[in-house]
Amino acid sequence: MVSPGHDGIERDRERKRRAYSRAGIPVYVLIDDHDRHGTVTVLAAPRPDEAVYMNVHRVAYGTDVTIPEGPAKGFVIGEAITGPPAQRLRQRRTARRPRGEGSRAVGVRPVGRQPMCG
C-alpha cells in the first residue's frame, strides 16, 4: 500500500522500489490512489545491479492484473481489491474517506525472505 503523505509516497514509489529490486524481490506491486485516479502498478524482472525493474505494467482501478512471477504468481488484483474505476472512486472517496487515506502498496516477497523496513 502506498502510505499517505509526501514521505510515504516517496518511500513507497521510489526508495522501496529501488531497495526491493536491488534485493532481487521478483515482484513489487503498488496499489495507489494518491493521483486521484487509482492505479495498480506491477513491477517485475528486477535488475539488482541497477536497482530497477525491467517490466512495469500499470492499469486503472477495476482492471484485472495478474502477478506474473514469484510466490504469488497467478494471483489476480482486480476491483474486489482496488475498488471501482476512477470515476466511481472519486465519488466514493468524497462520500467515505477523509483526505489522505486509502492508498495501498503491496510488496510480494519470496518465501523465506525477511521483510524490509522502509
PDB file of N, CA and C in Angstrom:
ATOM      1  N   MET A   1       0.840  -1.171   0.000  1.00  0.00           N
ATOM      2  CA  MET A   1       0.000   0.000   0.000  1.00  0.00           C
ATOM      3  C   MET A   1       0.894   1.246   0.000  1.00  0.00           C
ATOM      4  N   VAL A   2       0.529   2.199  -0.788  1.00  0.00           N
ATOM      5  CA  VAL A   2       1.264   3.456  -0.762  1.00  0.00           C
ATOM      6  C   VAL A   2       0.756   4.217   0.447  1.00  0.00           C
ATOM      7  N   SER A   3       1.669   4.551   1.336  1.00  0.00           N
ATOM      8  CA  SER A   3       1.299   5.214   2.578  1.00  0.00           C
ATOM      9  C   SER A   3       0.905   6.656   2.332  1.00  0.00           C
ATOM     10  N   PRO A   4      -0.009   7.190   3.144  1.00  0.00           N
ATOM     11  CA  PRO A   4      -0.408   8.587   2.986  1.00  0.00           C
ATOM     12  C   PRO A   4       0.744   9.544   3.282  1.00  0.00           C
ATOM     13  N   GLY A   5       0.668  10.718   2.713  1.00  0.00           N
ATOM     14  CA  GLY A   5       1.649  11.763   2.971  1.00  0.00           C
ATOM     15  C   GLY A   5       2.804  11.725   1.991  1.00  0.00           C
ATOM     16  N   HIS A   6       3.469  12.867   1.847  1.00  0.00           N
ATOM     17  CA  HIS A   6       4.572  13.008   0.898  1.00  0.00           C
ATOM     18  C   HIS A   6       5.697  12.019   1.183  1.00  0.00           C
ATOM     19  N   ASP A   7       6.089  11.860   2.441  1.00  0.00           N
ATOM     20  CA  ASP A   7       7.172  10.937   2.778  1.00  0.00           C
ATOM     21  C   ASP A   7       6.815   9.501   2.423  1.00  0.00           C
ATOM     22  N   GLY A   8       5.575   9.104   2.680  1.00  0.00           N
ATOM     23  CA  GLY A   8       5.126   7.755   2.362  1.00  0.00           C
ATOM     24  C   GLY A   8       5.115   7.501   0.871  1.00  0.00           C
ATOM     25  N   ILE A   9       4.667   8.480   0.104  1.00  0.00           N
ATOM     26  CA  ILE A   9       4.619   8.340  -1.349  1.00  0.00           C
ATOM     27  C   ILE A   9       6.028   8.171  -1.899  1.00  0.00           C
ATOM     28  N   GLU A  10       6.945   9.026  -1.489  1.00  0.00           N
ATOM     29  CA  GLU A  10       8.324   8.956  -1.975  1.00  0.00           C
ATOM     30  C   GLU A  10       8.964   7.641  -1.541  1.00  0.00           C
ATOM     31  N   ARG A  11       8.712   7.224  -0.312  1.00  0.00           N
ATOM     32  CA  ARG A  11       9.283   5.975   0.192  1.00  0.00           C
ATOM     33  C   ARG A  11       8.767   4.784  -0.606  1.00  0.00           C
ATOM     34  N   ASP A  12       7.452   4.689  -0.801  1.00  0.00           N
ATOM     35  CA  ASP A  12       6.874   3.525  -1.470  1.00  0.00           C
ATOM     36  C   ASP A  12       7.143   3.514  -2.975  1.00  0.00           C
ATOM     37  N   ARG A  13       7.044   4.679  -3.623  1.00  0.00           N
ATOM     38  CA  ARG A  13       7.218   4.731  -5.079  1.00  0.00           C
ATOM     39  C   ARG A  13       8.674   4.689  -5.503  1.00  0.00           C
ATOM     40  N   GLU A  14       9.580   5.203  -4.690  1.00  0.00           N
ATOM     41  CA  GLU A  14      10.982   5.305  -5.103  1.00  0.00           C
ATOM     42  C   GLU A  14      11.931   4.452  -4.263  1.00  0.00           C
ATOM     43  N   ARG A  15      12.035   4.751  -2.972  1.00  0.00           N
ATOM     44  CA  ARG A  15      13.042   4.061  -2.150  1.00  0.00           C
ATOM     45  C   ARG A  15      12.801   2.565  -2.061  1.00  0.00           C
ATOM     46  N   LYS A  16      11.564   2.141  -1.783  1.00  0.00           N
ATOM     47  CA  LYS A  16      11.280   0.705  -1.686  1.00  0.00           C
ATOM     48  C   LYS A  16      11.455   0.032  -3.042  1.00  0.00           C
ATOM     49  N   ARG A  17      11.036   0.699  -4.107  1.00  0.00           N
ATOM     50  CA  ARG A  17      11.201   0.138  -5.456  1.00  0.00           C
ATOM     51  C   ARG A  17      12.671  -0.175  -5.710  1.00  0.00           C
ATOM     52  N   ARG A  18      13.553   0.759  -5.404  1.00  0.00           N
ATOM     53  CA  ARG A  18      14.987   0.529  -5.615  1.00  0.00           C
ATOM     54  C   ARG A  18      15.518  -0.552  -4.678  1.00  0.00           C
ATOM     55  N   ALA A  19      15.118  -0.486  -3.411  1.00  0.00           N
ATOM     56  CA  ALA A  19      15.600  -1.469  -2.431  1.00  0.00           C
ATOM     57  C   ALA A  19      15.142  -2.878  -2.782  1.00  0.00           C
ATOM     58  N   TYR A  20      13.893  -3.033  -3.165  1.00  0.00           N
ATOM     59  CA  TYR A  20      13.362  -4.361  -3.492  1.00  0.00           C
ATOM     60  C   TYR A  20      14.019  -4.912  -4.760  1.00  0.00           C
ATOM     61  N   SER A  21      14.213  -4.075  -5.771  1.00  0.00           N
ATOM     62  CA  SER A  21      14.861  -4.566  -6.985  1.00  0.00           C
ATOM     63  C   SER A  21      16.324  -4.932  -6.695  1.00  0.00           C
ATOM     64  N   ARG A  22      16.997  -4.115  -5.888  1.00  0.00           N
ATOM     65  CA  ARG A  22      18.381  -4.392  -5.503  1.00  0.00           C
ATOM     66  C   ARG A  22      18.481  -5.728  -4.761  1.00  0.00           C
ATOM     67  N   ALA A  23      17.450  -6.049  -3.971  1.00  0.00           N
ATOM     68  CA  ALA A  23      17.420  -7.300  -3.203  1.00  0.00           C
ATOM     69  C   ALA A  23      16.943  -8.485  -4.043  1.00  0.00           C
ATOM     70  N   GLY A  24      16.517  -8.236  -5.278  1.00  0.00           N
ATOM     71  CA  GLY A  24      16.062  -9.315  -6.153  1.00  0.00           C
ATOM     72  C   GLY A  24      14.641  -9.778  -5.887  1.00  0.00           C
ATOM     73  N   ILE A  25      13.845  -8.956  -5.204  1.00  0.00           N
ATOM     74  CA  ILE A  25      12.432  -9.295  -4.975  1.00  0.00           C
ATOM     75  C   ILE A  25      11.779  -9.393  -6.354  1.00  0.00           C
ATOM     76  N   PRO A  26      11.167 -10.546  -6.693  1.00  0.00           N
ATOM     77  CA  PRO A  26      10.717 -10.746  -8.071  1.00  0.00           C
ATOM     78  C   PRO A  26       9.576  -9.842  -8.523  1.00  0.00           C
ATOM     79  N   VAL A  27       8.718  -9.412  -7.595  1.00  0.00           N
ATOM     80  CA  VAL A  27       7.571  -8.582  -7.967  1.00  0.00           C
ATOM     81  C   VAL A  27       7.314  -7.562  -6.864  1.00  0.00           C
ATOM     82  N   TYR A  28       7.049  -6.326  -7.279  1.00  0.00           N
ATOM     83  CA  TYR A  28       6.638  -5.274  -6.352  1.00  0.00           C
ATOM     84  C   TYR A  28       5.360  -4.679  -6.928  1.00  0.00           C
ATOM     85  N   VAL A  29       4.314  -4.644  -6.113  1.00  0.00           N
ATOM     86  CA  VAL A  29       3.010  -4.154  -6.553  1.00  0.00           C
ATOM     87  C   VAL A  29       2.663  -2.895  -5.778  1.00  0.00           C
ATOM     88  N   LEU A  30       2.302  -1.845  -6.493  1.00  0.00           N
ATOM     89  CA  LEU A  30       1.824  -0.601  -5.883  1.00  0.00           C
ATOM     90  C   LEU A  30       0.347  -0.428  -6.209  1.00  0.00           C
ATOM     91  N   ILE A  31      -0.442  -0.326  -5.172  1.00  0.00           N
ATOM     92  CA  ILE A  31      -1.867  -0.012  -5.326  1.00  0.00           C
ATOM     93  C   ILE A  31      -2.000   1.410  -4.797  1.00  0.00           C
ATOM     94  N   ASP A  32      -2.260   2.334  -5.706  1.00  0.00           N
ATOM     95  CA  ASP A  32      -2.040   3.746  -5.411  1.00  0.00           C
ATOM     96  C   ASP A  32      -3.202   4.612  -5.891  1.00  0.00           C
ATOM     97  N   ASP A  33      -3.811   5.357  -4.985  1.00  0.00           N
ATOM     98  CA  ASP A  33      -4.838   6.299  -5.421  1.00  0.00           C
ATOM     99  C   ASP A  33      -4.499   7.734  -5.032  1.00  0.00           C
ATOM    100  N   HIS A  34      -3.213   8.001  -4.805  1.00  0.00           N
ATOM    101  CA  HIS A  34      -2.792   9.368  -4.498  1.00  0.00           C
ATOM    102  C   HIS A  34      -2.940  10.304  -5.678  1.00  0.00           C
ATOM    103  N   ASP A  35      -2.957   9.767  -6.883  1.00  0.00           N
ATOM    104  CA  ASP A  35      -3.094  10.623  -8.067  1.00  0.00           C
ATOM    105  C   ASP A  35      -4.554  10.934  -8.383  1.00  0.00           C
ATOM    106  N   ARG A  36      -5.460  10.469  -7.522  1.00  0.00           N
ATOM    107  CA  ARG A  36      -6.898  10.697  -7.664  1.00  0.00           C
ATOM    108  C   ARG A  36      -7.539   9.867  -8.781  1.00  0.00           C
ATOM    109  N   HIS A  37      -6.755   9.004  -9.417  1.00  0.00           N
ATOM    110  CA  HIS A  37      -7.302   8.168 -10.474  1.00  0.00           C
ATOM    111  C   HIS A  37      -7.356   6.709 -10.068  1.00  0.00           C
ATOM    112  N   GLY A  38      -6.441   6.265  -9.257  1.00  0.00           N
ATOM    113  CA  GLY A  38      -6.368   4.884  -8.828  1.00  0.00           C
ATOM    114  C   GLY A  38      -5.665   4.011  -9.845  1.00  0.00           C
ATOM    115  N   THR A  39      -4.433   3.611  -9.533  1.00  0.00           N
ATOM    116  CA  THR A  39      -3.681   2.744 -10.424  1.00  0.00           C
ATOM    117  C   THR A  39      -3.062   1.588  -9.653  1.00  0.00           C
ATOM    118  N   VAL A  40      -2.905   0.485 -10.359  1.00  0.00           N
ATOM    119  CA  VAL A  40      -2.159  -0.661  -9.849  1.00  0.00           C
ATOM    120  C   VAL A  40      -0.946  -0.792 -10.755  1.00  0.00           C
ATOM    121  N   THR A  41       0.235  -0.800 -10.153  1.00  0.00           N
ATOM    122  CA  THR A  41       1.470  -0.942 -10.905  1.00  0.00           C
ATOM    123  C   THR A  41       2.154  -2.218 -10.454  1.00  0.00           C
ATOM    124  N   VAL A  42       2.421  -3.102 -11.403  1.00  0.00           N
ATOM    125  CA  VAL A  42       3.121  -4.348 -11.121  1.00  0.00           C
ATOM    126  C   VAL A  42       4.505  -4.237 -11.744  1.00  0.00           C
ATOM    127  N   LEU A  43       5.519  -4.300 -10.890  1.00  0.00           N
ATOM    128  CA  LEU A  43       6.901  -4.237 -11.345  1.00  0.00           C
ATOM    129  C   LEU A  43       7.496  -5.630 -11.216  1.00  0.00           C
ATOM    130  N   ALA A  44       8.142  -6.115 -12.284  1.00  0.00           N
ATOM    131  CA  ALA A  44       8.718  -7.458 -12.281  1.00  0.00           C
ATOM    132  C   ALA A  44      10.062  -7.432 -13.001  1.00  0.00           C
ATOM    133  N   ALA A  45      10.749  -8.545 -12.956  1.00  0.00           N
ATOM    134  CA  ALA A  45      12.062  -8.714 -13.588  1.00  0.00           C
ATOM    135  C   ALA A  45      13.074  -7.711 -13.023  1.00  0.00           C
ATOM    136  N   PRO A  46      13.411  -7.863 -11.729  1.00  0.00           N
ATOM    137  CA  PRO A  46      14.366  -6.932 -11.127  1.00  0.00           C
ATOM    138  C   PRO A  46      15.766  -7.079 -11.716  1.00  0.00           C
ATOM    139  N   ARG A  47      16.460  -5.973 -11.759  1.00  0.00           N
ATOM    140  CA  ARG A  47      17.875  -5.940 -12.110  1.00  0.00           C
ATOM    141  C   ARG A  47      18.612  -5.424 -10.886  1.00  0.00           C
ATOM    142  N   PRO A  48      19.041  -6.333  -9.999  1.00  0.00           N
ATOM    143  CA  PRO A  48      19.662  -5.909  -8.739  1.00  0.00           C
ATOM    144  C   PRO A  48      20.877  -4.997  -8.924  1.00  0.00           C
ATOM    145  N   ASP A  49      21.676  -5.235  -9.944  1.00  0.00           N
ATOM    146  CA  ASP A  49      22.866  -4.413 -10.162  1.00  0.00           C
ATOM    147  C   ASP A  49      22.534  -2.974 -10.526  1.00  0.00           C
ATOM    148  N   GLU A  50      21.340  -2.750 -11.087  1.00  0.00           N
ATOM    149  CA  GLU A  50      20.924  -1.402 -11.466  1.00  0.00           C
ATOM    150  C   GLU A  50      19.835  -0.838 -10.570  1.00  0.00           C
ATOM    151  N   ALA A  51      19.316  -1.669  -9.643  1.00  0.00           N
ATOM    152  CA  ALA A  51      18.240  -1.268  -8.725  1.00  0.00           C
ATOM    153  C   ALA A  51      17.004  -0.782  -9.475  1.00  0.00           C
ATOM    154  N   VAL A  52      16.635  -1.518 -10.544  1.00  0.00           N
ATOM    155  CA  VAL A  52      15.443  -1.185 -11.328  1.00  0.00           C
ATOM    156  C   VAL A  52      14.670  -2.460 -11.649  1.00  0.00           C
ATOM    157  N   TYR A  53      13.391  -2.281 -11.978  1.00  0.00           N
ATOM    158  CA  TYR A  53      12.567  -3.358 -12.511  1.00  0.00           C
ATOM    159  C   TYR A  53      12.445  -3.137 -14.003  1.00  0.00           C
ATOM    160  N   MET A  54      12.635  -4.197 -14.778  1.00  0.00           N
ATOM    161  CA  MET A  54      12.590  -4.081 -16.234  1.00  0.00           C
ATOM    162  C   MET A  54      11.161  -4.083 -16.781  1.00  0.00           C
ATOM    163  N   ASN A  55      10.253  -4.796 -16.126  1.00  0.00           N
ATOM    164  CA  ASN A  55       8.869  -4.867 -16.592  1.00  0.00           C
ATOM    165  C   ASN A  55       7.976  -4.056 -15.665  1.00  0.00           C
ATOM    166  N   VAL A  56       7.285  -3.087 -16.237  1.00  0.00           N
ATOM    167  CA  VAL A  56       6.355  -2.248 -15.481  1.00  0.00           C
ATOM    168  C   VAL A  56       5.010  -2.315 -16.197  1.00  0.00           C
ATOM    169  N   HIS A  57       3.989  -2.760 -15.461  1.00  0.00           N
ATOM    170  CA  HIS A  57       2.643  -2.868 -16.027  1.00  0.00           C
ATOM    171  C   HIS A  57       1.697  -2.074 -15.128  1.00  0.00           C
ATOM    172  N   ARG A  58       1.070  -1.025 -15.678  1.00  0.00           N
ATOM    173  CA  ARG A  58       0.190  -0.149 -14.905  1.00  0.00           C
ATOM    174  C   ARG A  58      -1.213  -0.207 -15.484  1.00  0.00           C
ATOM    175  N   VAL A  59      -2.201  -0.420 -14.583  1.00  0.00           N
ATOM    176  CA  VAL A  59      -3.604  -0.447 -15.008  1.00  0.00           C
ATOM    177  C   VAL A  59      -4.432   0.406 -14.056  1.00  0.00           C
ATOM    178  N   ALA A  60      -5.582   0.820 -14.523  1.00  0.00           N
ATOM    179  CA  ALA A  60      -6.514   1.601 -13.701  1.00  0.00           C
ATOM    180  C   ALA A  60      -7.243   0.686 -12.730  1.00  0.00           C
ATOM    181  N   TYR A  61      -7.692   1.264 -11.627  1.00  0.00           N
ATOM    182  CA  TYR A  61      -8.536   0.526 -10.697  1.00  0.00           C
ATOM    183  C   TYR A  61      -9.681  -0.109 -11.468  1.00  0.00           C
ATOM    184  N   GLY A  62     -10.057  -1.305 -11.049  1.00  0.00           N
ATOM    185  CA  GLY A  62     -11.154  -2.006 -11.677  1.00  0.00           C
ATOM    186  C   GLY A  62     -10.724  -2.886 -12.839  1.00  0.00           C
ATOM    187  N   THR A  63      -9.453  -2.782 -13.248  1.00  0.00           N
ATOM    188  CA  THR A  63      -8.918  -3.603 -14.322  1.00  0.00           C
ATOM    189  C   THR A  63      -8.116  -4.740 -13.694  1.00  0.00           C
ATOM    190  N   ASP A  64      -8.401  -5.970 -14.103  1.00  0.00           N
ATOM    191  CA  ASP A  64      -7.663  -7.104 -13.552  1.00  0.00           C
ATOM    192  C   ASP A  64      -6.217  -7.088 -14.021  1.00  0.00           C
ATOM    193  N   VAL A  65      -5.310  -7.377 -13.100  1.00  0.00           N
ATOM    194  CA  VAL A  65      -3.897  -7.562 -13.427  1.00  0.00           C
ATOM    195  C   VAL A  65      -3.430  -8.788 -12.648  1.00  0.00           C
ATOM    196  N   THR A  66      -2.662  -9.638 -13.301  1.00  0.00           N
ATOM    197  CA  THR A  66      -2.216 -10.892 -12.712  1.00  0.00           C
ATOM    198  C   THR A  66      -0.737 -10.802 -12.356  1.00  0.00           C
ATOM    199  N   ILE A  67      -0.397 -11.265 -11.163  1.00  0.00           N
ATOM    200  CA  ILE A  67       1.003 -11.293 -10.728  1.00  0.00           C
ATOM    201  C   ILE A  67       1.744 -12.281 -11.641  1.00  0.00           C
ATOM    202  N   PRO A  68       2.825 -11.823 -12.304  1.00  0.00           N
ATOM    203  CA  PRO A  68       3.459 -12.645 -13.330  1.00  0.00           C
ATOM    204  C   PRO A  68       4.448 -13.702 -12.837  1.00  0.00           C
ATOM    205  N   GLU A  69       4.992 -13.528 -11.636  1.00  0.00           N
ATOM    206  CA  GLU A  69       6.020 -14.451 -11.161  1.00  0.00           C
ATOM    207  C   GLU A  69       6.126 -14.380  -9.650  1.00  0.00           C
ATOM    208  N   GLY A  70       7.009 -15.185  -9.096  1.00  0.00           N
ATOM    209  CA  GLY A  70       7.212 -15.177  -7.658  1.00  0.00           C
ATOM    210  C   GLY A  70       6.185 -16.026  -6.927  1.00  0.00           C
ATOM    211  N   PRO A  71       6.177 -15.964  -5.607  1.00  0.00           N
ATOM    212  CA  PRO A  71       5.303 -16.824  -4.807  1.00  0.00           C
ATOM    213  C   PRO A  71       3.814 -16.545  -4.996  1.00  0.00           C
ATOM    214  N   ALA A  72       3.461 -15.370  -5.474  1.00  0.00           N
ATOM    215  CA  ALA A  72       2.046 -15.037  -5.694  1.00  0.00           C
ATOM    216  C   ALA A  72       1.661 -15.145  -7.169  1.00  0.00           C
ATOM    217  N   LYS A  73       2.487 -15.815  -7.966  1.00  0.00           N
ATOM    218  CA  LYS A  73       2.233 -15.946  -9.407  1.00  0.00           C
ATOM    219  C   LYS A  73       0.808 -16.429  -9.643  1.00  0.00           C
ATOM    220  N   GLY A  74       0.113 -15.728 -10.542  1.00  0.00           N
ATOM    221  CA  GLY A  74      -1.251 -16.092 -10.887  1.00  0.00           C
ATOM    222  C   GLY A  74      -2.318 -15.387 -10.057  1.00  0.00           C
ATOM    223  N   PHE A  75      -1.929 -14.734  -8.964  1.00  0.00           N
ATOM    224  CA  PHE A  75      -2.893 -14.001  -8.141  1.00  0.00           C
ATOM    225  C   PHE A  75      -3.407 -12.804  -8.938  1.00  0.00           C
ATOM    226  N   VAL A  76      -4.715 -12.613  -8.930  1.00  0.00           N
ATOM    227  CA  VAL A  76      -5.323 -11.526  -9.698  1.00  0.00           C
ATOM    228  C   VAL A  76      -5.707 -10.384  -8.751  1.00  0.00           C
ATOM    229  N   ILE A  77      -5.256  -9.191  -9.100  1.00  0.00           N
ATOM    230  CA  ILE A  77      -5.653  -7.984  -8.381  1.00  0.00           C
ATOM    231  C   ILE A  77      -6.691  -7.299  -9.260  1.00  0.00           C
ATOM    232  N   GLY A  78      -7.894  -7.169  -8.738  1.00  0.00           N
ATOM    233  CA  GLY A  78      -8.975  -6.565  -9.508  1.00  0.00           C
ATOM    234  C   GLY A  78      -9.829  -5.661  -8.645  1.00  0.00           C
ATOM    235  N   GLU A  79     -11.019  -5.403  -9.103  1.00  0.00           N
ATOM    236  CA  GLU A  79     -11.918  -4.457  -8.433  1.00  0.00           C
ATOM    237  C   GLU A  79     -12.245  -4.860  -6.998  1.00  0.00           C
ATOM    238  N   ALA A  80     -12.274  -6.153  -6.709  1.00  0.00           N
ATOM    239  CA  ALA A  80     -12.553  -6.595  -5.341  1.00  0.00           C
ATOM    240  C   ALA A  80     -11.481  -6.110  -4.364  1.00  0.00           C
ATOM    241  N   ILE A  81     -10.261  -5.889  -4.851  1.00  0.00           N
ATOM    242  CA  ILE A  81      -9.163  -5.415  -4.005  1.00  0.00           C
ATOM    243  C   ILE A  81      -9.016  -3.904  -4.100  1.00  0.00           C
ATOM    244  N   THR A  82      -9.046  -3.362  -5.310  1.00  0.00           N
ATOM    245  CA  THR A  82      -8.763  -1.942  -5.506  1.00  0.00           C
ATOM    246  C   THR A  82      -9.967  -1.039  -5.311  1.00  0.00           C
ATOM    247  N   GLY A  83     -11.126  -1.595  -5.505  1.00  0.00           N
ATOM    248  CA  GLY A  83     -12.311  -0.765  -5.564  1.00  0.00           C
ATOM    249  C   GLY A  83     -12.613  -0.461  -7.023  1.00  0.00           C
ATOM    250  N   PRO A  84     -13.595   0.367  -7.263  1.00  0.00           N
ATOM    251  CA  PRO A  84     -14.063   0.631  -8.625  1.00  0.00           C
ATOM    252  C   PRO A  84     -13.114   1.519  -9.427  1.00  0.00           C
ATOM    253  N   PRO A  85     -13.362   1.610 -10.733  1.00  0.00           N
ATOM    254  CA  PRO A  85     -12.580   2.521 -11.574  1.00  0.00           C
ATOM    255  C   PRO A  85     -12.657   3.965 -11.084  1.00  0.00           C
ATOM    256  N   ALA A  86     -11.812   4.811 -11.638  1.00  0.00           N
ATOM    257  CA  ALA A  86     -11.597   6.177 -11.159  1.00  0.00           C
ATOM    258  C   ALA A  86     -12.856   7.007 -10.988  1.00  0.00           C
ATOM    259  N   GLN A  87     -13.760   7.007 -11.941  1.00  0.00           N
ATOM    260  CA  GLN A  87     -14.929   7.875 -11.851  1.00  0.00           C
ATOM    261  C   GLN A  87     -15.725   7.561 -10.593  1.00  0.00           C
ATOM    262  N   ARG A  88     -15.994   6.302 -10.358  1.00  0.00           N
ATOM    263  CA  ARG A  88     -16.725   5.917  -9.158  1.00  0.00           C
ATOM    264  C   ARG A  88     -15.857   6.075  -7.919  1.00  0.00           C
ATOM    265  N   LEU A  89     -14.523   5.920  -8.063  1.00  0.00           N
ATOM    266  CA  LEU A  89     -13.614   6.081  -6.937  1.00  0.00           C
ATOM    267  C   LEU A  89     -13.722   7.482  -6.349  1.00  0.00           C
ATOM    268  N   ARG A  90     -13.719   8.495  -7.212  1.00  0.00           N
ATOM    269  CA  ARG A  90     -13.806   9.874  -6.716  1.00  0.00           C
ATOM    270  C   ARG A  90     -15.103  10.094  -5.942  1.00  0.00           C
ATOM    271  N   GLN A  91     -16.199   9.571  -6.443  1.00  0.00           N
ATOM    272  CA  GLN A  91     -17.478   9.720  -5.751  1.00  0.00           C
ATOM    273  C   GLN A  91     -17.441   9.008  -4.410  1.00  0.00           C
ATOM    274  N   ARG A  92     -16.878   7.797  -4.389  1.00  0.00           N
ATOM    275  CA  ARG A  92     -16.807   7.025  -3.150  1.00  0.00           C
ATOM    276  C   ARG A  92     -15.902   7.710  -2.138  1.00  0.00           C
ATOM    277  N   ARG A  93     -14.750   8.220  -2.596  1.00  0.00           N
ATOM    278  CA  ARG A  93     -13.805   8.866  -1.693  1.00  0.00           C
ATOM    279  C   ARG A  93     -14.435  10.091  -1.046  1.00  0.00           C
ATOM    280  N   THR A  94     -15.114  10.887  -1.843  1.00  0.00           N
ATOM    281  CA  THR A  94     -15.760  12.082  -1.318  1.00  0.00           C
ATOM    282  C   THR A  94     -16.791  11.715  -0.261  1.00  0.00           C
ATOM    283  N   ALA A  95     -17.485  10.642  -0.483  1.00  0.00           N
ATOM    284  CA  ALA A  95     -18.536  10.236   0.445  1.00  0.00           C
ATOM    285  C   ALA A  95     -18.007   9.556   1.697  1.00  0.00           C
ATOM    286  N   ARG A  96     -16.880   8.815   1.592  1.00  0.00           N
ATOM    287  CA  ARG A  96     -16.488   7.975   2.721  1.00  0.00           C
ATOM    288  C   ARG A  96     -15.127   8.225   3.327  1.00  0.00           C
ATOM    289  N   ARG A  97     -14.154   8.725   2.579  1.00  0.00           N
ATOM    290  CA  ARG A  97     -12.794   8.780   3.090  1.00  0.00           C
ATOM    291  C   ARG A  97     -12.345  10.192   3.418  1.00  0.00           C
ATOM    292  N   PRO A  98     -11.728  10.345   4.581  1.00  0.00           N
ATOM    293  CA  PRO A  98     -11.066  11.629   4.829  1.00  0.00           C
ATOM    294  C   PRO A  98      -9.887  11.762   3.868  1.00  0.00           C
ATOM    295  N   ARG A  99      -9.495  12.949   3.569  1.00  0.00           N
ATOM    296  CA  ARG A  99      -8.392  13.203   2.647  1.00  0.00           C
ATOM    297  C   ARG A  99      -7.093  12.569   3.150  1.00  0.00           C
ATOM    298  N   GLY A 100      -6.325  12.022   2.239  1.00  0.00           N
ATOM    299  CA  GLY A 100      -5.028  11.460   2.591  1.00  0.00           C
ATOM    300  C   GLY A 100      -5.064  10.012   3.022  1.00  0.00           C
ATOM    301  N   GLU A 101      -6.237   9.398   3.051  1.00  0.00           N
ATOM    302  CA  GLU A 101      -6.316   7.997   3.452  1.00  0.00           C
ATOM    303  C   GLU A 101      -6.679   7.136   2.260  1.00  0.00           C
ATOM    304  N   GLY A 102      -6.384   5.849   2.381  1.00  0.00           N
ATOM    305  CA  GLY A 102      -6.899   4.886   1.439  1.00  0.00           C
ATOM    306  C   GLY A 102      -5.975   4.414   0.349  1.00  0.00           C
ATOM    307  N   SER A 103      -4.704   4.720   0.407  1.00  0.00           N
ATOM    308  CA  SER A 103      -3.801   4.201  -0.604  1.00  0.00           C
ATOM    309  C   SER A 103      -3.143   2.944  -0.073  1.00  0.00           C
ATOM    310  N   ARG A 104      -2.769   2.069  -1.016  1.00  0.00           N
ATOM    311  CA  ARG A 104      -2.208   0.795  -0.613  1.00  0.00           C
ATOM    312  C   ARG A 104      -1.022   0.452  -1.502  1.00  0.00           C
ATOM    313  N   ALA A 105      -0.008  -0.198  -0.956  1.00  0.00           N
ATOM    314  CA  ALA A 105       1.095  -0.746  -1.751  1.00  0.00           C
ATOM    315  C   ALA A 105       1.403  -2.120  -1.195  1.00  0.00           C
ATOM    316  N   VAL A 106       1.759  -3.020  -2.043  1.00  0.00           N
ATOM    317  CA  VAL A 106       1.987  -4.385  -1.609  1.00  0.00           C
ATOM    318  C   VAL A 106       3.316  -4.844  -2.172  1.00  0.00           C
ATOM    319  N   GLY A 107       4.218  -5.299  -1.313  1.00  0.00           N
ATOM    320  CA  GLY A 107       5.460  -5.914  -1.765  1.00  0.00           C
ATOM    321  C   GLY A 107       5.275  -7.413  -1.715  1.00  0.00           C
ATOM    322  N   VAL A 108       5.490  -8.091  -2.816  1.00  0.00           N
ATOM    323  CA  VAL A 108       5.365  -9.535  -2.855  1.00  0.00           C
ATOM    324  C   VAL A 108       6.770 -10.082  -2.748  1.00  0.00           C
ATOM    325  N   ARG A 109       7.070 -10.744  -1.647  1.00  0.00           N
ATOM    326  CA  ARG A 109       8.418 -11.223  -1.385  1.00  0.00           C
ATOM    327  C   ARG A 109       8.472 -12.742  -1.493  1.00  0.00           C
ATOM    328  N   PRO A 110       9.611 -13.273  -1.915  1.00  0.00           N
ATOM    329  CA  PRO A 110       9.758 -14.715  -1.940  1.00  0.00           C
ATOM    330  C   PRO A 110       9.666 -15.290  -0.535  1.00  0.00           C
ATOM    331  N   VAL A 111       9.191 -16.508  -0.448  1.00  0.00           N
ATOM    332  CA  VAL A 111       9.098 -17.192   0.839  1.00  0.00           C
ATOM    333  C   VAL A 111      10.498 -17.277   1.436  1.00  0.00           C
ATOM    334  N   GLY A 112      10.590 -17.006   2.729  1.00  0.00           N
ATOM    335  CA  GLY A 112      11.863 -17.110   3.426  1.00  0.00           C
ATOM    336  C   GLY A 112      12.639 -15.817   3.516  1.00  0.00           C
ATOM    337  N   ARG A 113      12.234 -14.789   2.800  1.00  0.00           N
ATOM    338  CA  ARG A 113      12.921 -13.503   2.892  1.00  0.00           C
ATOM    339  C   ARG A 113      12.388 -12.724   4.071  1.00  0.00           C
ATOM    340  N   GLN A 114      13.232 -11.931   4.658  1.00  0.00           N
ATOM    341  CA  GLN A 114      12.817 -11.098   5.771  1.00  0.00           C
ATOM    342  C   GLN A 114      12.170  -9.833   5.228  1.00  0.00           C
ATOM    343  N   PRO A 115      11.116  -9.317   5.897  1.00  0.00           N
ATOM    344  CA  PRO A 115      10.512  -8.066   5.451  1.00  0.00           C
ATOM    345  C   PRO A 115      11.529  -6.940   5.513  1.00  0.00           C
ATOM    346  N   MET A 116      11.435  -6.030   4.553  1.00  0.00           N
ATOM    347  CA  MET A 116      12.322  -4.880   4.541  1.00  0.00           C
ATOM    348  C   MET A 116      11.629  -3.695   5.166  1.00  0.00           C
ATOM    349  N   CYS A 117      12.332  -3.002   6.011  1.00  0.00           N
ATOM    350  CA  CYS A 117      11.759  -1.799   6.639  1.00  0.00           C
ATOM    351  C   CYS A 117      12.125  -0.614   5.768  1.00  0.00           C
ATOM    352  N   GLY A 118      11.139   0.327   5.633  1.00  0.00           N
ATOM    353  CA  GLY A 118      11.412   1.471   4.766  1.00  0.00           C
ATOM    354  C   GLY A 118      11.489   2.689   5.565  1.00  0.00           C
TER     355      GLY A 118
END
